[in-house]
Protein backbone atom coordinates (compact mmCIF):
# COMPACT_ATOMS: atom_id res chain seq x y z
CA UNK A 1 0.00 0.00 0.00
CA UNK A 2 1.29 3.43 -0.95
CA UNK A 3 0.78 6.24 1.53
CA UNK A 4 0.45 9.89 0.59
CA UNK A 5 3.05 12.46 1.56
CA UNK A 6 2.26 16.13 1.05
CA UNK A 7 4.41 19.19 1.61
CA UNK A 8 3.75 22.91 1.85
CA UNK A 9 5.56 26.00 3.06
CA UNK A 10 4.95 29.57 4.06
CA UNK A 11 7.34 32.38 4.95
CA UNK A 12 8.66 30.86 8.16
CA UNK A 13 7.61 27.23 8.31
CA UNK A 14 7.61 24.03 6.27
CA UNK A 15 4.76 21.55 6.63
CA UNK A 16 4.57 17.85 5.89
CA UNK A 17 1.66 15.43 6.03
CA UNK A 18 2.37 11.71 6.17
CA UNK A 19 -0.51 9.30 5.74
CA UNK A 20 -0.47 6.18 7.93
CA UNK A 21 -2.69 3.11 8.17
CA UNK A 22 -6.38 4.09 7.89
CA UNK A 23 -7.01 3.08 11.51
CA UNK A 24 -4.18 5.42 12.60
CA UNK A 25 -4.84 8.48 10.41
CA UNK A 26 -2.29 11.03 9.21
CA UNK A 27 0.42 13.12 10.83
CA UNK A 28 0.97 16.83 10.28
CA UNK A 29 4.54 17.90 10.99
CA UNK A 30 5.51 21.57 11.29
CA UNK A 31 9.17 22.56 10.82
CA UNK A 32 10.89 25.84 11.58
CA UNK A 33 14.57 26.33 10.71
CA UNK A 34 14.79 22.63 9.82
CA UNK A 35 13.56 21.49 13.25
CA UNK A 36 10.19 19.84 13.92
CA UNK A 37 8.38 22.12 16.34
CA UNK A 38 4.89 20.54 16.23
CA UNK A 39 3.33 17.25 15.22
CA UNK A 40 -0.35 16.51 15.17
CA UNK A 41 -2.24 13.27 14.59
CA UNK A 42 -5.51 13.70 12.68
CA UNK A 43 -8.01 11.19 11.29
CA UNK A 44 -7.11 11.79 7.62
CA UNK A 45 -4.97 13.78 5.20
CA UNK A 46 -8.00 16.02 4.56
CA UNK A 47 -8.29 16.69 8.30
CA UNK A 48 -4.59 17.62 8.44
CA UNK A 49 -5.01 20.08 5.57
CA UNK A 50 -8.03 21.68 7.25
CA UNK A 51 -6.21 21.80 10.61
CA UNK A 52 -3.21 23.55 9.00
CA UNK A 53 -5.61 26.13 7.54
CA UNK A 54 -7.28 26.77 10.91
CA UNK A 55 -4.14 26.72 13.08
CA UNK A 56 -1.54 28.25 10.78
CA UNK A 57 -3.53 30.03 8.06
CA UNK A 58 -2.04 27.78 5.38
CA UNK A 59 -4.20 28.03 2.22
CA UNK A 60 -5.82 24.80 1.01
CA UNK A 61 -4.03 25.02 -2.36
CA UNK A 62 -0.55 25.17 -0.76
CA UNK A 63 -0.09 21.41 -0.71
CA UNK A 64 1.88 19.31 -3.21
CA UNK A 65 2.05 15.53 -3.17
CA UNK A 66 5.55 14.10 -3.37
CA UNK A 67 6.85 10.64 -4.23
CA UNK A 68 9.33 8.96 -1.88
């Protein structure tokens, strides 16, 4: 099974969402100066994107899916 990884950035921070098993959810990681300063577990990638909008003002269209 292939899990989604999405990235986004704003002026000060970089953001990364890593999808996990469906029963786990997805993680939102927030980096500042290359260091992880926050991590949040949400129910889904969509929930992570919406949480980043609410908490950090990150626009919904900021995200890009990457292949690893």
